[in-house]
Structure formats: C-alpha cells, structure tokens
Protein backbone atom coordinates (compact mmCIF):
# COMPACT_ATOMS: atom_id res chain seq x y z
CA UNK A 1 23.93 52.31 37.37
CA UNK A 2 22.23 53.40 40.60
CA UNK A 3 20.29 56.59 41.10
CA UNK A 4 21.31 59.13 43.72
CA UNK A 5 17.69 60.17 44.13
CA UNK A 6 15.89 58.46 47.02
CA UNK A 7 12.60 56.75 46.22
CA UNK A 8 9.33 57.85 47.79
CA UNK A 9 9.47 55.27 50.58
CA UNK A 10 12.96 56.41 51.55
CA UNK A 11 11.76 60.01 51.59
CA UNK A 12 8.85 59.04 53.85
CA UNK A 13 11.29 57.30 56.21
CA UNK A 14 13.45 60.43 56.30
CA UNK A 15 10.37 62.60 56.86
CA UNK A 16 9.27 60.37 59.73
CA UNK A 17 12.70 60.93 61.28
CA UNK A 18 12.16 64.70 61.10
CA UNK A 19 13.96 65.54 57.84
CA UNK A 20 11.78 68.32 56.43
CA UNK A 21 13.80 68.44 53.21
CA UNK A 22 12.28 65.04 52.42
CA UNK A 23 8.83 66.64 52.44
CA UNK A 24 10.11 69.29 50.05
CA UNK A 25 11.40 66.57 47.75
CA UNK A 26 8.04 64.76 47.85
CA UNK A 27 6.17 67.99 47.12
CA UNK A 28 8.42 68.86 44.18
CA UNK A 29 8.14 65.33 42.83
CA UNK A 30 4.34 64.99 43.10
CA UNK A 31 2.74 68.42 43.36
CA UNK A 32 1.88 68.73 39.66
CA UNK A 33 0.09 65.37 39.60
CA UNK A 34 -1.71 66.09 42.89
CA UNK A 35 -2.86 69.49 41.67
CA UNK A 36 -3.87 68.14 38.28
CA UNK A 37 -5.91 65.29 39.76
CA UNK A 38 -7.54 67.62 42.29
CA UNK A 39 -8.45 70.04 39.54
CA UNK A 40 -9.92 67.36 37.29
CA UNK A 41 -12.12 66.10 40.10
CA UNK A 42 -13.14 69.47 41.56
CA UNK A 43 -13.08 71.61 38.40
CA UNK A 44 -11.97 74.66 40.37
CA UNK A 45 -8.34 75.82 40.68
CA UNK A 46 -8.69 77.49 44.07
CA UNK A 47 -10.28 74.45 45.66
CA UNK A 48 -7.77 72.16 43.91
CA UNK A 49 -4.88 74.19 45.33
CA UNK A 50 -6.41 73.90 48.82
CA UNK A 51 -6.72 70.13 48.40
CA UNK A 52 -3.13 69.87 47.15
CA UNK A 53 -1.86 71.79 50.14
CA UNK A 54 -3.93 69.70 52.56
CA UNK A 55 -2.69 66.53 50.85
CA UNK A 56 0.92 67.31 51.67
CA UNK A 57 -0.01 68.32 55.22
CA UNK A 58 -1.56 64.90 55.60
CA UNK A 59 1.53 63.25 54.13
CA UNK A 60 3.60 65.09 56.74
CA UNK A 61 1.27 64.09 59.59
CA UNK A 62 1.13 60.45 58.45
CA UNK A 63 4.88 60.01 57.89
CA UNK A 64 5.54 58.29 61.22
CA UNK A 65 2.75 55.79 60.58
CA UNK A 66 3.33 55.25 56.87
CA UNK A 67 3.60 51.57 55.91
CA UNK A 68 4.29 51.00 52.19
CA UNK A 69 1.59 48.39 51.44
CA UNK A 70 1.05 49.81 47.95
CA UNK A 71 2.93 52.21 45.70
CA UNK A 72 3.41 55.60 47.31
CA UNK A 73 1.51 57.29 44.49
CA UNK A 74 -1.48 55.02 45.02
CA UNK A 75 -1.51 55.96 48.72
CA UNK A 76 -1.06 59.64 47.80
CA UNK A 77 -3.88 59.54 45.23
CA UNK A 78 -6.14 57.97 47.84
CA UNK A 79 -5.54 60.98 50.09
CA UNK A 80 -6.25 63.35 47.18
CA UNK A 81 -9.47 61.58 46.20
CA UNK A 82 -10.74 61.46 49.78
CA UNK A 83 -10.03 65.17 50.23
CA UNK A 84 -11.78 65.92 46.93
CA UNK A 85 -14.82 63.95 48.07
CA UNK A 86 -14.81 65.93 51.31
CA UNK A 87 -14.56 69.17 49.34
CA UNK A 88 -17.39 68.13 47.02
CA UNK A 89 -19.62 67.47 50.00
CA UNK A 90 -18.92 71.07 51.09
CA UNK A 91 -19.54 72.56 47.65
CA UNK A 92 -22.48 71.24 45.63
CA UNK A 93 -21.80 73.00 42.34
CA UNK A 94 -18.45 73.51 40.57
CA UNK A 95 -17.09 75.09 37.40
CA UNK A 96 -16.00 72.88 34.53
CA UNK A 97 -12.77 72.50 32.57
CA UNK A 98 -10.68 69.58 31.38
CA UNK A 99 -7.98 71.05 29.17
CA UNK A 100 -6.57 67.74 27.98
CA UNK A 101 -9.94 66.21 27.04
CA UNK A 102 -10.02 65.00 23.50
CA UNK A 103 -6.28 65.32 22.80
CA UNK A 104 -6.01 61.71 21.62
CA UNK A 105 -8.87 62.24 19.18
CA UNK A 106 -7.39 65.50 18.00
CA UNK A 107 -3.91 64.10 17.47
CA UNK A 108 -5.22 61.77 14.78
CA UNK A 109 -7.43 64.40 13.22
CA UNK A 110 -6.38 66.79 10.50
CA UNK A 111 -9.17 69.26 11.22
CA UNK A 112 -8.49 72.97 11.56
CA UNK A 113 -7.97 74.78 14.88
CA UNK A 114 -11.62 75.81 15.22
CA UNK A 115 -12.78 72.25 14.67
CA UNK A 116 -10.20 70.94 17.18
CA UNK A 117 -11.41 73.39 19.77
CA UNK A 118 -15.01 72.40 19.10
CA UNK A 119 -14.21 68.69 19.45
CA UNK A 120 -12.29 69.34 22.69
CA UNK A 121 -15.28 71.22 24.08
CA UNK A 122 -17.61 68.37 23.11
CA UNK A 123 -15.39 65.85 24.87
CA UNK A 124 -15.12 68.05 27.99
CA UNK A 125 -18.87 68.40 28.10
CA UNK A 126 -19.42 64.68 27.63
CA UNK A 127 -16.91 63.73 30.35
CA UNK A 128 -18.38 66.24 32.77
CA UNK A 129 -21.90 64.95 32.16
CA UNK A 130 -20.95 61.43 33.22
CA UNK A 131 -22.19 60.21 36.60
CA UNK A 132 -19.65 61.09 39.31
CA UNK A 133 -18.14 57.62 39.79
CA UNK A 134 -17.81 57.06 36.04
CA UNK A 135 -16.24 60.50 35.60
CA UNK A 136 -13.72 59.83 38.36
CA UNK A 137 -12.85 56.41 36.90
CA UNK A 138 -12.26 57.96 33.45
CA UNK A 139 -10.11 60.76 34.92
CA UNK A 140 -7.94 58.33 36.87
CA UNK A 141 -7.67 55.87 33.97
CA UNK A 142 -7.36 58.14 30.95
CA UNK A 143 -5.66 61.24 32.31
CA UNK A 144 -3.61 59.90 35.20
CA UNK A 145 -2.78 56.54 33.62
CA UNK A 146 -3.78 54.38 36.58
CA UNK A 147 -4.50 50.69 36.04
CA UNK A 148 -7.83 49.18 37.05
CA UNK A 149 -6.24 47.74 40.20
CA UNK A 150 -4.66 51.09 41.10
CA UNK A 151 -7.98 52.89 40.64
CA UNK A 152 -9.51 50.32 42.98
CA UNK A 153 -6.83 51.00 45.58
CA UNK A 154 -7.25 54.77 45.28
CA UNK A 155 -11.05 54.76 45.47
CA UNK A 156 -11.73 51.69 47.58
CA UNK A 157 -13.74 50.09 44.77
CA UNK A 158 -13.19 46.50 43.68
CA UNK A 159 -11.29 45.87 40.46
CA UNK A 160 -14.44 44.45 38.86
CA UNK A 161 -16.39 47.56 39.91
CA UNK A 162 -13.74 49.74 38.28
CA UNK A 163 -13.85 47.69 35.09
CA UNK A 164 -17.64 47.90 35.03
CA UNK A 165 -17.59 51.66 35.63
CA UNK A 166 -15.08 52.18 32.82
CA UNK A 167 -17.05 50.05 30.37
CA UNK A 168 -20.22 52.02 31.15
CA UNK A 169 -18.36 55.35 31.13
CA UNK A 170 -16.74 54.80 27.74
CA UNK A 171 -20.05 53.53 26.30
CA UNK A 172 -21.79 56.63 27.67
CA UNK A 173 -19.07 58.85 26.19
CA UNK A 174 -19.40 57.24 22.77
CA UNK A 175 -23.18 57.69 22.89
CA UNK A 176 -22.99 61.30 24.11
CA UNK A 177 -20.35 62.26 21.56
CA UNK A 178 -22.27 60.57 18.78
CA UNK A 179 -25.40 62.56 19.70
CA UNK A 180 -23.44 65.81 20.09
CA UNK A 181 -21.87 65.61 16.65
CA UNK A 182 -25.32 65.82 15.05
CA UNK A 183 -25.94 69.15 16.75
CA UNK A 184 -22.75 70.72 15.37
CA UNK A 185 -22.91 69.45 11.80
C-alpha cells in the first residue's frame, strides 16, 4: 500500500519549484516539533515562536539549494538549534520550564499529585542547571528522541562527543536529583 502523502524531500522539491502549498504542508507537519524544541532550548514561548517562524522562512529560502544528505528532520533541527544559539547570544537570561520533565519517573510512581508535581519540578530544575551543551544533548535525546548520530548532525558535534556529553549529563542529573531529594524529605 502506498501513501498519497509526499515525503519531506518531495515537498522540498515542490517548494523549490515555487509550490507554496508544499511549504504549508511542511509547516503543518513539523511546526509542533520545531516549536517544542525551540521552547526547550530557549525556555521562552515568545522567543521560541520567533525561532519557529524564522526556521520556516529559512526552509523556504533554502528550498532551491536543498540537497537531502541527511534526513529532512535532522537538517530542520540543525536550523532550529543554530537559530536558538543565535537567540541565546542576544538574550543572556531566560525563563525556565520543561513541562514533560520527569514524566518517565512519574509514570512508574504511585505517588499522589502533589508528590508528582514536586518530582517534576525537581527534574526541571536539575535539567536546567546542567551545563548548556549537556542540557541540549539531554533535550534532543530524551525529549525529541534523536539518536546519538542525529544529535551530532544537528549540533555539529562528533558522535563520541555526544555520547560523552550524555554520560556526563545523566550522571550529573542522578547526582543533582539525589541531593535534591534530601532537601524535600
């Protein structure tokens, strides 16, 4: 059975030929992920929305030169991350919020709602206290489901650098969360 929906590469080819409906299809298909990733990195909805909008402007501008060397989403995430880095250079301090943080821990827990909220806040705090590169690696790996190789493609880091960052990040998270639990007990 074949799908009637064109894949991302086909949409980029159509966009390069001037078919603006292809851009609409790409936006509908990827806007939630782009906005979510932007928000996790920037921790500010207004700035994340600006980055998401600029991302799709860049997709439009790059359509004629697009060469599918990697998955479209990897290329798209690279644009998002680069724009987020640019935005972070403009704004030194940001607000914090990672709604999904700690959901895996909470799913296995039978604690009450107040305890779940407290654990989620502890995880958010711990993730946000990580060094920037470790935090970004965790966001891309844990929340966006990217493989080590895909994270490397998105960020420009080597696969071994990504693996090292994730090992350090998860060790730091375990240590931070272990210390935090003593303050709430």
